Amino acid sequence: MTANDWPGAAELETALERLMDAIDQGRGPEVASALAEVDRLAAGMDRSAPARLRHFLSQRAYQKALAALRGEATEGHRPG
């Protein structure tokens, strides 16, 4: 199973994209809102979500989590 083929993957990817955009644009209230959504979705993840993705989220490595959802390689890691 890849990082993007489990229930909730698309919703989490959208929330992470919104978070990254809000951070890049310096929109504080939207950062807080997006972060709350990412945290809510991460808390609801079950064991069907890839362990690497769960690890990135637990470490608040949101760019790596987004890359994993997109199937992109992250530092020292290959997708899959």
PDB file of N, CA and C in Angstrom:
ATOM      1  N   MET A   1       0.856  -1.184   0.000  1.00  0.00           N
ATOM      2  CA  MET A   1       0.000   0.000   0.000  1.00  0.00           C
ATOM      3  C   MET A   1       0.895   1.239   0.000  1.00  0.00           C
ATOM      4  N   THR A   2       0.567   2.154  -0.851  1.00  0.00           N
ATOM      5  CA  THR A   2       1.335   3.392  -0.888  1.00  0.00           C
ATOM      6  C   THR A   2       0.674   4.430   0.008  1.00  0.00           C
ATOM      7  N   ALA A   3       1.377   5.539   0.163  1.00  0.00           N
ATOM      8  CA  ALA A   3       0.898   6.577   1.082  1.00  0.00           C
ATOM      9  C   ALA A   3      -0.396   7.214   0.623  1.00  0.00           C
ATOM     10  N   ASN A   4      -0.746   7.080  -0.650  1.00  0.00           N
ATOM     11  CA  ASN A   4      -1.927   7.796  -1.124  1.00  0.00           C
ATOM     12  C   ASN A   4      -3.092   6.893  -1.513  1.00  0.00           C
ATOM     13  N   ASP A   5      -3.085   5.636  -1.096  1.00  0.00           N
ATOM     14  CA  ASP A   5      -4.207   4.767  -1.477  1.00  0.00           C
ATOM     15  C   ASP A   5      -4.907   4.138  -0.269  1.00  0.00           C
ATOM     16  N   TRP A   6      -5.114   4.928   0.760  1.00  0.00           N
ATOM     17  CA  TRP A   6      -5.856   4.486   1.933  1.00  0.00           C
ATOM     18  C   TRP A   6      -6.967   5.506   2.193  1.00  0.00           C
ATOM     19  N   PRO A   7      -8.001   5.107   2.889  1.00  0.00           N
ATOM     20  CA  PRO A   7      -9.111   6.036   3.149  1.00  0.00           C
ATOM     21  C   PRO A   7      -8.638   7.287   3.889  1.00  0.00           C
ATOM     22  N   GLY A   8      -8.970   8.426   3.363  1.00  0.00           N
ATOM     23  CA  GLY A   8      -8.586   9.684   3.994  1.00  0.00           C
ATOM     24  C   GLY A   8      -7.353  10.336   3.408  1.00  0.00           C
ATOM     25  N   ALA A   9      -6.662   9.655   2.512  1.00  0.00           N
ATOM     26  CA  ALA A   9      -5.417  10.192   1.950  1.00  0.00           C
ATOM     27  C   ALA A   9      -5.656  11.496   1.198  1.00  0.00           C
ATOM     28  N   ALA A  10      -6.678  11.558   0.377  1.00  0.00           N
ATOM     29  CA  ALA A  10      -6.930  12.763  -0.418  1.00  0.00           C
ATOM     30  C   ALA A  10      -7.280  13.947   0.481  1.00  0.00           C
ATOM     31  N   GLU A  11      -8.072  13.694   1.514  1.00  0.00           N
ATOM     32  CA  GLU A  11      -8.458  14.763   2.436  1.00  0.00           C
ATOM     33  C   GLU A  11      -7.233  15.278   3.204  1.00  0.00           C
ATOM     34  N   LEU A  12      -6.363  14.360   3.625  1.00  0.00           N
ATOM     35  CA  LEU A  12      -5.151  14.759   4.329  1.00  0.00           C
ATOM     36  C   LEU A  12      -4.218  15.533   3.408  1.00  0.00           C
ATOM     37  N   GLU A  13      -4.080  15.091   2.177  1.00  0.00           N
ATOM     38  CA  GLU A  13      -3.231  15.802   1.215  1.00  0.00           C
ATOM     39  C   GLU A  13      -3.732  17.232   1.014  1.00  0.00           C
ATOM     40  N   THR A  14      -5.030  17.405   0.872  1.00  0.00           N
ATOM     41  CA  THR A  14      -5.610  18.738   0.707  1.00  0.00           C
ATOM     42  C   THR A  14      -5.338  19.612   1.927  1.00  0.00           C
ATOM     43  N   ALA A  15      -5.500  19.040   3.117  1.00  0.00           N
ATOM     44  CA  ALA A  15      -5.259  19.798   4.346  1.00  0.00           C
ATOM     45  C   ALA A  15      -3.791  20.191   4.468  1.00  0.00           C
ATOM     46  N   LEU A  16      -2.885  19.289   4.107  1.00  0.00           N
ATOM     47  CA  LEU A  16      -1.456  19.604   4.164  1.00  0.00           C
ATOM     48  C   LEU A  16      -1.085  20.677   3.142  1.00  0.00           C
ATOM     49  N   GLU A  17      -1.671  20.606   1.953  1.00  0.00           N
ATOM     50  CA  GLU A  17      -1.424  21.644   0.942  1.00  0.00           C
ATOM     51  C   GLU A  17      -1.894  23.001   1.445  1.00  0.00           C
ATOM     52  N   ARG A  18      -3.068  23.022   2.060  1.00  0.00           N
ATOM     53  CA  ARG A  18      -3.612  24.273   2.621  1.00  0.00           C
ATOM     54  C   ARG A  18      -2.696  24.808   3.720  1.00  0.00           C
ATOM     55  N   LEU A  19      -2.202  23.925   4.566  1.00  0.00           N
ATOM     56  CA  LEU A  19      -1.288  24.321   5.638  1.00  0.00           C
ATOM     57  C   LEU A  19      -0.001  24.904   5.073  1.00  0.00           C
ATOM     58  N   MET A  20       0.603  24.218   4.122  1.00  0.00           N
ATOM     59  CA  MET A  20       1.864  24.696   3.542  1.00  0.00           C
ATOM     60  C   MET A  20       1.675  26.049   2.851  1.00  0.00           C
ATOM     61  N   ASP A  21       0.554  26.213   2.146  1.00  0.00           N
ATOM     62  CA  ASP A  21       0.272  27.477   1.469  1.00  0.00           C
ATOM     63  C   ASP A  21       0.086  28.604   2.479  1.00  0.00           C
ATOM     64  N   ALA A  22      -0.649  28.334   3.547  1.00  0.00           N
ATOM     65  CA  ALA A  22      -0.886  29.347   4.571  1.00  0.00           C
ATOM     66  C   ALA A  22       0.420  29.750   5.251  1.00  0.00           C
ATOM     67  N   ILE A  23       1.280  28.794   5.506  1.00  0.00           N
ATOM     68  CA  ILE A  23       2.587  29.095   6.097  1.00  0.00           C
ATOM     69  C   ILE A  23       3.399  29.960   5.143  1.00  0.00           C
ATOM     70  N   ASP A  24       3.457  29.547   3.876  1.00  0.00           N
ATOM     71  CA  ASP A  24       4.226  30.298   2.870  1.00  0.00           C
ATOM     72  C   ASP A  24       3.736  31.732   2.737  1.00  0.00           C
ATOM     73  N   GLN A  25       2.433  31.933   2.870  1.00  0.00           N
ATOM     74  CA  GLN A  25       1.837  33.254   2.688  1.00  0.00           C
ATOM     75  C   GLN A  25       1.774  34.052   3.999  1.00  0.00           C
ATOM     76  N   GLY A  26       2.164  33.431   5.110  1.00  0.00           N
ATOM     77  CA  GLY A  26       2.144  34.125   6.395  1.00  0.00           C
ATOM     78  C   GLY A  26       0.752  34.453   6.903  1.00  0.00           C
ATOM     79  N   ARG A  27      -0.207  33.588   6.615  1.00  0.00           N
ATOM     80  CA  ARG A  27      -1.592  33.802   7.038  1.00  0.00           C
ATOM     81  C   ARG A  27      -1.847  33.042   8.336  1.00  0.00           C
ATOM     82  N   GLY A  28      -1.503  33.671   9.454  1.00  0.00           N
ATOM     83  CA  GLY A  28      -1.569  33.038  10.764  1.00  0.00           C
ATOM     84  C   GLY A  28      -2.866  32.349  11.109  1.00  0.00           C
ATOM     85  N   PRO A  29      -4.016  33.026  11.005  1.00  0.00           N
ATOM     86  CA  PRO A  29      -5.271  32.363  11.368  1.00  0.00           C
ATOM     87  C   PRO A  29      -5.554  31.129  10.501  1.00  0.00           C
ATOM     88  N   GLU A  30      -5.197  31.203   9.229  1.00  0.00           N
ATOM     89  CA  GLU A  30      -5.411  30.052   8.354  1.00  0.00           C
ATOM     90  C   GLU A  30      -4.433  28.927   8.688  1.00  0.00           C
ATOM     91  N   VAL A  31      -3.209  29.287   9.118  1.00  0.00           N
ATOM     92  CA  VAL A  31      -2.244  28.272   9.553  1.00  0.00           C
ATOM     93  C   VAL A  31      -2.847  27.492  10.725  1.00  0.00           C
ATOM     94  N   ALA A  32      -3.376  28.210  11.705  1.00  0.00           N
ATOM     95  CA  ALA A  32      -3.952  27.562  12.880  1.00  0.00           C
ATOM     96  C   ALA A  32      -5.115  26.651  12.496  1.00  0.00           C
ATOM     97  N   SER A  33      -5.962  27.117  11.611  1.00  0.00           N
ATOM     98  CA  SER A  33      -7.108  26.330  11.180  1.00  0.00           C
ATOM     99  C   SER A  33      -6.670  25.078  10.416  1.00  0.00           C
ATOM    100  N   ALA A  34      -5.731  25.249   9.492  1.00  0.00           N
ATOM    101  CA  ALA A  34      -5.244  24.120   8.696  1.00  0.00           C
ATOM    102  C   ALA A  34      -4.509  23.113   9.576  1.00  0.00           C
ATOM    103  N   LEU A  35      -3.737  23.614  10.527  1.00  0.00           N
ATOM    104  CA  LEU A  35      -3.012  22.730  11.437  1.00  0.00           C
ATOM    105  C   LEU A  35      -3.988  21.910  12.278  1.00  0.00           C
ATOM    106  N   ALA A  36      -5.048  22.528  12.740  1.00  0.00           N
ATOM    107  CA  ALA A  36      -6.062  21.798  13.502  1.00  0.00           C
ATOM    108  C   ALA A  36      -6.687  20.699  12.650  1.00  0.00           C
ATOM    109  N   GLU A  37      -6.928  20.984  11.373  1.00  0.00           N
ATOM    110  CA  GLU A  37      -7.508  19.987  10.468  1.00  0.00           C
ATOM    111  C   GLU A  37      -6.530  18.840  10.236  1.00  0.00           C
ATOM    112  N   VAL A  38      -5.261  19.161  10.006  1.00  0.00           N
ATOM    113  CA  VAL A  38      -4.247  18.118   9.815  1.00  0.00           C
ATOM    114  C   VAL A  38      -4.166  17.249  11.072  1.00  0.00           C
ATOM    115  N   ASP A  39      -4.134  17.874  12.237  1.00  0.00           N
ATOM    116  CA  ASP A  39      -4.075  17.121  13.490  1.00  0.00           C
ATOM    117  C   ASP A  39      -5.298  16.228  13.667  1.00  0.00           C
ATOM    118  N   ARG A  40      -6.466  16.741  13.309  1.00  0.00           N
ATOM    119  CA  ARG A  40      -7.696  15.949  13.418  1.00  0.00           C
ATOM    120  C   ARG A  40      -7.630  14.720  12.514  1.00  0.00           C
ATOM    121  N   LEU A  41      -7.190  14.946  11.282  1.00  0.00           N
ATOM    122  CA  LEU A  41      -7.101  13.839  10.330  1.00  0.00           C
ATOM    123  C   LEU A  41      -6.029  12.829  10.754  1.00  0.00           C
ATOM    124  N   ALA A  42      -4.900  13.322  11.231  1.00  0.00           N
ATOM    125  CA  ALA A  42      -3.818  12.429  11.675  1.00  0.00           C
ATOM    126  C   ALA A  42      -4.274  11.585  12.867  1.00  0.00           C
ATOM    127  N   ALA A  43      -5.013  12.188  13.779  1.00  0.00           N
ATOM    128  CA  ALA A  43      -5.499  11.464  14.956  1.00  0.00           C
ATOM    129  C   ALA A  43      -6.478  10.364  14.569  1.00  0.00           C
ATOM    130  N   GLY A  44      -7.158  10.545  13.450  1.00  0.00           N
ATOM    131  CA  GLY A  44      -8.133   9.562  13.000  1.00  0.00           C
ATOM    132  C   GLY A  44      -7.561   8.475  12.112  1.00  0.00           C
ATOM    133  N   MET A  45      -6.278   8.537  11.848  1.00  0.00           N
ATOM    134  CA  MET A  45      -5.661   7.531  10.986  1.00  0.00           C
ATOM    135  C   MET A  45      -5.613   6.187  11.704  1.00  0.00           C
ATOM    136  N   ASP A  46      -5.800   5.134  10.924  1.00  0.00           N
ATOM    137  CA  ASP A  46      -5.681   3.812  11.508  1.00  0.00           C
ATOM    138  C   ASP A  46      -4.452   3.105  10.930  1.00  0.00           C
ATOM    139  N   ARG A  47      -4.327   1.845  11.229  1.00  0.00           N
ATOM    140  CA  ARG A  47      -3.138   1.099  10.803  1.00  0.00           C
ATOM    141  C   ARG A  47      -3.081   0.882   9.297  1.00  0.00           C
ATOM    142  N   SER A  48      -4.139   1.217   8.575  1.00  0.00           N
ATOM    143  CA  SER A  48      -4.094   1.059   7.120  1.00  0.00           C
ATOM    144  C   SER A  48      -3.251   2.144   6.464  1.00  0.00           C
ATOM    145  N   ALA A  49      -3.010   3.236   7.183  1.00  0.00           N
ATOM    146  CA  ALA A  49      -2.143   4.302   6.673  1.00  0.00           C
ATOM    147  C   ALA A  49      -0.694   3.852   6.828  1.00  0.00           C
ATOM    148  N   PRO A  50       0.143   4.148   5.860  1.00  0.00           N
ATOM    149  CA  PRO A  50       1.540   3.711   5.923  1.00  0.00           C
ATOM    150  C   PRO A  50       2.258   4.234   7.175  1.00  0.00           C
ATOM    151  N   ALA A  51       3.069   3.379   7.749  1.00  0.00           N
ATOM    152  CA  ALA A  51       3.806   3.721   8.976  1.00  0.00           C
ATOM    153  C   ALA A  51       4.685   4.945   8.773  1.00  0.00           C
ATOM    154  N   ARG A  52       5.326   5.043   7.614  1.00  0.00           N
ATOM    155  CA  ARG A  52       6.211   6.184   7.351  1.00  0.00           C
ATOM    156  C   ARG A  52       5.429   7.491   7.376  1.00  0.00           C
ATOM    157  N   LEU A  53       4.246   7.488   6.810  1.00  0.00           N
ATOM    158  CA  LEU A  53       3.402   8.679   6.809  1.00  0.00           C
ATOM    159  C   LEU A  53       2.978   9.023   8.236  1.00  0.00           C
ATOM    160  N   ARG A  54       2.569   8.022   8.997  1.00  0.00           N
ATOM    161  CA  ARG A  54       2.192   8.263  10.400  1.00  0.00           C
ATOM    162  C   ARG A  54       3.373   8.825  11.182  1.00  0.00           C
ATOM    163  N   HIS A  55       4.572   8.316  10.896  1.00  0.00           N
ATOM    164  CA  HIS A  55       5.776   8.814  11.565  1.00  0.00           C
ATOM    165  C   HIS A  55       6.000  10.286  11.232  1.00  0.00           C
ATOM    166  N   PHE A  56       5.946  10.643   9.951  1.00  0.00           N
ATOM    167  CA  PHE A  56       6.154  12.039   9.556  1.00  0.00           C
ATOM    168  C   PHE A  56       5.160  12.949  10.264  1.00  0.00           C
ATOM    169  N   LEU A  57       3.922  12.541  10.323  1.00  0.00           N
ATOM    170  CA  LEU A  57       2.905  13.363  10.973  1.00  0.00           C
ATOM    171  C   LEU A  57       3.146  13.467  12.472  1.00  0.00           C
ATOM    172  N   SER A  58       3.567  12.378  13.097  1.00  0.00           N
ATOM    173  CA  SER A  58       3.822  12.431  14.543  1.00  0.00           C
ATOM    174  C   SER A  58       5.006  13.332  14.869  1.00  0.00           C
ATOM    175  N   GLN A  59       5.925  13.462  13.924  1.00  0.00           N
ATOM    176  CA  GLN A  59       7.087  14.328  14.106  1.00  0.00           C
ATOM    177  C   GLN A  59       6.838  15.744  13.585  1.00  0.00           C
ATOM    178  N   ARG A  60       5.628  15.976  13.115  1.00  0.00           N
ATOM    179  CA  ARG A  60       5.237  17.269  12.525  1.00  0.00           C
ATOM    180  C   ARG A  60       6.125  17.647  11.328  1.00  0.00           C
ATOM    181  N   ALA A  61       6.530  16.622  10.594  1.00  0.00           N
ATOM    182  CA  ALA A  61       7.319  16.800   9.371  1.00  0.00           C
ATOM    183  C   ALA A  61       6.331  16.869   8.212  1.00  0.00           C
ATOM    184  N   TYR A  62       5.622  17.993   8.145  1.00  0.00           N
ATOM    185  CA  TYR A  62       4.504  18.110   7.219  1.00  0.00           C
ATOM    186  C   TYR A  62       4.928  18.122   5.757  1.00  0.00           C
ATOM    187  N   GLN A  63       6.060  18.698   5.428  1.00  0.00           N
ATOM    188  CA  GLN A  63       6.518  18.677   4.037  1.00  0.00           C
ATOM    189  C   GLN A  63       6.844  17.251   3.608  1.00  0.00           C
ATOM    190  N   LYS A  64       7.467  16.489   4.500  1.00  0.00           N
ATOM    191  CA  LYS A  64       7.767  15.090   4.186  1.00  0.00           C
ATOM    192  C   LYS A  64       6.489  14.278   4.066  1.00  0.00           C
ATOM    193  N   ALA A  65       5.522  14.541   4.922  1.00  0.00           N
ATOM    194  CA  ALA A  65       4.242  13.837   4.844  1.00  0.00           C
ATOM    195  C   ALA A  65       3.553  14.137   3.516  1.00  0.00           C
ATOM    196  N   LEU A  66       3.578  15.392   3.101  1.00  0.00           N
ATOM    197  CA  LEU A  66       2.964  15.763   1.827  1.00  0.00           C
ATOM    198  C   LEU A  66       3.697  15.105   0.668  1.00  0.00           C
ATOM    199  N   ALA A  67       5.020  15.084   0.720  1.00  0.00           N
ATOM    200  CA  ALA A  67       5.802  14.423  -0.332  1.00  0.00           C
ATOM    201  C   ALA A  67       5.466  12.932  -0.383  1.00  0.00           C
ATOM    202  N   ALA A  68       5.321  12.303   0.769  1.00  0.00           N
ATOM    203  CA  ALA A  68       4.977  10.881   0.806  1.00  0.00           C
ATOM    204  C   ALA A  68       3.606  10.642   0.184  1.00  0.00           C
ATOM    205  N   LEU A  69       2.646  11.506   0.480  1.00  0.00           N
ATOM    206  CA  LEU A  69       1.315  11.366  -0.110  1.00  0.00           C
ATOM    207  C   LEU A  69       1.350  11.540  -1.621  1.00  0.00           C
ATOM    208  N   ARG A  70       2.247  12.374  -2.080  1.00  0.00           N
ATOM    209  CA  ARG A  70       2.380  12.621  -3.524  1.00  0.00           C
ATOM    210  C   ARG A  70       3.244  11.578  -4.218  1.00  0.00           C
ATOM    211  N   GLY A  71       3.841  10.671  -3.455  1.00  0.00           N
ATOM    212  CA  GLY A  71       4.695   9.643  -4.039  1.00  0.00           C
ATOM    213  C   GLY A  71       6.076  10.145  -4.385  1.00  0.00           C
ATOM    214  N   GLU A  72       6.469  11.263  -3.785  1.00  0.00           N
ATOM    215  CA  GLU A  72       7.781  11.840  -4.045  1.00  0.00           C
ATOM    216  C   GLU A  72       8.775  11.299  -3.029  1.00  0.00           C
ATOM    217  N   ALA A  73      10.036  11.225  -3.431  1.00  0.00           N
ATOM    218  CA  ALA A  73      11.081  10.795  -2.509  1.00  0.00           C
ATOM    219  C   ALA A  73      11.338  11.897  -1.488  1.00  0.00           C
ATOM    220  N   THR A  74      11.646  11.492  -0.266  1.00  0.00           N
ATOM    221  CA  THR A  74      12.029  12.431   0.781  1.00  0.00           C
ATOM    222  C   THR A  74      13.467  12.132   1.157  1.00  0.00           C
ATOM    223  N   GLU A  75      14.093  13.025   1.893  1.00  0.00           N
ATOM    224  CA  GLU A  75      15.491  12.858   2.272  1.00  0.00           C
ATOM    225  C   GLU A  75      15.758  11.448   2.770  1.00  0.00           C
ATOM    226  N   GLY A  76      16.624  10.744   2.061  1.00  0.00           N
ATOM    227  CA  GLY A  76      17.020   9.424   2.499  1.00  0.00           C
ATOM    228  C   GLY A  76      15.967   8.340   2.336  1.00  0.00           C
ATOM    229  N   HIS A  77      14.842   8.679   1.739  1.00  0.00           N
ATOM    230  CA  HIS A  77      13.758   7.709   1.565  1.00  0.00           C
ATOM    231  C   HIS A  77      13.316   7.669   0.110  1.00  0.00           C
ATOM    232  N   ARG A  78      12.914   6.507  -0.299  1.00  0.00           N
ATOM    233  CA  ARG A  78      12.301   6.356  -1.620  1.00  0.00           C
ATOM    234  C   ARG A  78      10.842   5.989  -1.400  1.00  0.00           C
ATOM    235  N   PRO A  79       9.963   6.474  -2.275  1.00  0.00           N
ATOM    236  CA  PRO A  79       8.553   6.126  -2.096  1.00  0.00           C
ATOM    237  C   PRO A  79       8.335   4.631  -2.240  1.00  0.00           C
ATOM    238  N   GLY A  80       7.290   4.154  -1.565  1.00  0.00           N
ATOM    239  CA  GLY A  80       6.936   2.757  -1.722  1.00  0.00           C
ATOM    240  C   GLY A  80       6.822   1.996  -0.477  1.00  0.00           C
TER     241      GLY A  80
END
